Amino acid sequence: MTIVGLLADETPRDTGPDFGKASPIGLVVVVILLIATFLLVWSMNKQLKKLPESFDPESPEPDQAADEGTVELPADPDGRHEPGG
């Protein structure tokens, strides 16, 4: 047989009494996944409503320069910085 003959052959090979039937377990899995997706989106929207509109600070704090790393810390005699001050 040629390739054209194989492609033109319209008789299905696997035809039996159970051919093409879906399992009810598949439906249960799809329904569970849809419910889980709905609950995740609902929970995420609930959490997003708790967030402020903006994370920008109202006014800069006095130690803002230290937070940005522009203030130099005093060095130890051996040249290392101590953690915490």
C-alpha atoms as a PDB file:
ATOM      1  CA  MET A   1       0.000   0.000   0.000  1.00  0.00           C
ATOM      2  CA  THR A   2       1.122   3.500  -0.673  1.00  0.00           C
ATOM      3  CA  ILE A   3       0.923   6.414   1.733  1.00  0.00           C
ATOM      4  CA  VAL A   4      -1.997   7.866  -0.180  1.00  0.00           C
ATOM      5  CA  GLY A   5      -3.803   4.550   0.110  1.00  0.00           C
ATOM      6  CA  LEU A   6      -3.251   4.475   3.892  1.00  0.00           C
ATOM      7  CA  LEU A   7      -4.461   8.048   4.320  1.00  0.00           C
ATOM      8  CA  ALA A   8      -7.508   7.452   2.138  1.00  0.00           C
ATOM      9  CA  ASP A   9      -8.551   4.342   4.036  1.00  0.00           C
ATOM     10  CA  GLU A  10     -11.529   5.445   6.104  1.00  0.00           C
ATOM     11  CA  THR A  11     -12.312   2.213   7.887  1.00  0.00           C
ATOM     12  CA  PRO A  12     -11.490   2.573  11.585  1.00  0.00           C
ATOM     13  CA  ARG A  13      -9.256  -0.171  12.905  1.00  0.00           C
ATOM     14  CA  ASP A  14     -10.219  -0.223  16.614  1.00  0.00           C
ATOM     15  CA  THR A  15     -13.981  -0.417  16.639  1.00  0.00           C
ATOM     16  CA  GLY A  16     -15.493  -2.333  19.458  1.00  0.00           C
ATOM     17  CA  PRO A  17     -18.323  -1.883  21.899  1.00  0.00           C
ATOM     18  CA  ASP A  18     -16.168   0.343  24.176  1.00  0.00           C
ATOM     19  CA  PHE A  19     -14.369   2.348  21.467  1.00  0.00           C
ATOM     20  CA  GLY A  20     -14.642   6.104  22.020  1.00  0.00           C
ATOM     21  CA  LYS A  21     -16.313   5.978  25.402  1.00  0.00           C
ATOM     22  CA  ALA A  22     -14.886   8.180  28.113  1.00  0.00           C
ATOM     23  CA  SER A  23     -14.439   7.013  31.652  1.00  0.00           C
ATOM     24  CA  PRO A  24     -16.564   8.670  34.357  1.00  0.00           C
ATOM     25  CA  ILE A  25     -13.349   9.065  36.349  1.00  0.00           C
ATOM     26  CA  GLY A  26     -12.185  11.576  33.737  1.00  0.00           C
ATOM     27  CA  LEU A  27     -15.279  13.692  34.336  1.00  0.00           C
ATOM     28  CA  VAL A  28     -14.708  13.588  38.100  1.00  0.00           C
ATOM     29  CA  VAL A  29     -11.080  14.698  37.641  1.00  0.00           C
ATOM     30  CA  VAL A  30     -12.087  17.595  35.369  1.00  0.00           C
ATOM     31  CA  VAL A  31     -14.806  18.739  37.801  1.00  0.00           C
ATOM     32  CA  ILE A  32     -12.374  18.594  40.749  1.00  0.00           C
ATOM     33  CA  LEU A  33      -9.798  20.631  38.792  1.00  0.00           C
ATOM     34  CA  LEU A  34     -12.422  23.237  37.888  1.00  0.00           C
ATOM     35  CA  ILE A  35     -13.547  23.540  41.521  1.00  0.00           C
ATOM     36  CA  ALA A  36      -9.930  23.841  42.715  1.00  0.00           C
ATOM     37  CA  THR A  37      -9.223  26.551  40.117  1.00  0.00           C
ATOM     38  CA  PHE A  38     -12.337  28.473  41.165  1.00  0.00           C
ATOM     39  CA  LEU A  39     -11.339  28.315  44.842  1.00  0.00           C
ATOM     40  CA  LEU A  40      -7.776  29.438  44.111  1.00  0.00           C
ATOM     41  CA  VAL A  41      -8.937  32.441  42.070  1.00  0.00           C
ATOM     42  CA  TRP A  42     -11.500  33.362  44.736  1.00  0.00           C
ATOM     43  CA  SER A  43      -8.871  33.181  47.487  1.00  0.00           C
ATOM     44  CA  MET A  44      -6.357  35.183  45.447  1.00  0.00           C
ATOM     45  CA  ASN A  45      -8.886  37.946  44.808  1.00  0.00           C
ATOM     46  CA  LYS A  46      -9.696  38.044  48.517  1.00  0.00           C
ATOM     47  CA  GLN A  47      -6.003  38.464  49.381  1.00  0.00           C
ATOM     48  CA  LEU A  48      -5.452  41.103  46.688  1.00  0.00           C
ATOM     49  CA  LYS A  49      -8.250  43.236  48.124  1.00  0.00           C
ATOM     50  CA  LYS A  50      -6.276  43.467  51.401  1.00  0.00           C
ATOM     51  CA  LEU A  51      -3.270  45.090  49.694  1.00  0.00           C
ATOM     52  CA  PRO A  52      -2.832  48.866  49.797  1.00  0.00           C
ATOM     53  CA  GLU A  53      -3.262  50.825  46.570  1.00  0.00           C
ATOM     54  CA  SER A  54       0.388  51.866  46.578  1.00  0.00           C
ATOM     55  CA  PHE A  55       3.531  50.758  48.354  1.00  0.00           C
ATOM     56  CA  ASP A  56       5.189  54.171  48.023  1.00  0.00           C
ATOM     57  CA  PRO A  57       6.135  55.686  51.403  1.00  0.00           C
ATOM     58  CA  GLU A  58       4.133  58.735  52.509  1.00  0.00           C
ATOM     59  CA  SER A  59       7.269  60.605  53.593  1.00  0.00           C
ATOM     60  CA  PRO A  60      10.925  59.549  53.614  1.00  0.00           C
ATOM     61  CA  GLU A  61      12.174  58.375  56.964  1.00  0.00           C
ATOM     62  CA  PRO A  62      15.223  60.028  58.552  1.00  0.00           C
ATOM     63  CA  ASP A  63      17.267  56.851  58.205  1.00  0.00           C
ATOM     64  CA  GLN A  64      16.360  56.429  54.530  1.00  0.00           C
ATOM     65  CA  ALA A  65      19.946  57.233  53.524  1.00  0.00           C
ATOM     66  CA  ALA A  66      21.197  54.342  55.677  1.00  0.00           C
ATOM     67  CA  ASP A  67      18.693  52.006  54.058  1.00  0.00           C
ATOM     68  CA  GLU A  68      19.991  52.912  50.611  1.00  0.00           C
ATOM     69  CA  GLY A  69      23.572  52.206  51.645  1.00  0.00           C
ATOM     70  CA  THR A  70      24.824  55.784  51.351  1.00  0.00           C
ATOM     71  CA  VAL A  71      25.950  56.071  54.976  1.00  0.00           C
ATOM     72  CA  GLU A  72      29.367  54.565  55.640  1.00  0.00           C
ATOM     73  CA  LEU A  73      29.723  52.369  58.720  1.00  0.00           C
ATOM     74  CA  PRO A  74      32.799  52.746  60.956  1.00  0.00           C
ATOM     75  CA  ALA A  75      35.383  50.034  60.382  1.00  0.00           C
ATOM     76  CA  ASP A  76      36.971  47.827  63.049  1.00  0.00           C
ATOM     77  CA  PRO A  77      40.703  48.117  63.636  1.00  0.00           C
ATOM     78  CA  ASP A  78      41.227  44.979  61.552  1.00  0.00           C
ATOM     79  CA  GLY A  79      39.144  46.467  58.693  1.00  0.00           C
ATOM     80  CA  ARG A  80      35.922  44.474  59.082  1.00  0.00           C
ATOM     81  CA  HIS A  81      32.432  45.735  59.821  1.00  0.00           C
ATOM     82  CA  GLU A  82      30.597  44.262  62.757  1.00  0.00           C
ATOM     83  CA  PRO A  83      27.049  43.112  62.090  1.00  0.00           C
ATOM     84  CA  GLY A  84      24.430  45.191  63.837  1.00  0.00           C
ATOM     85  CA  GLY A  85      26.449  48.283  64.378  1.00  0.00           C
END
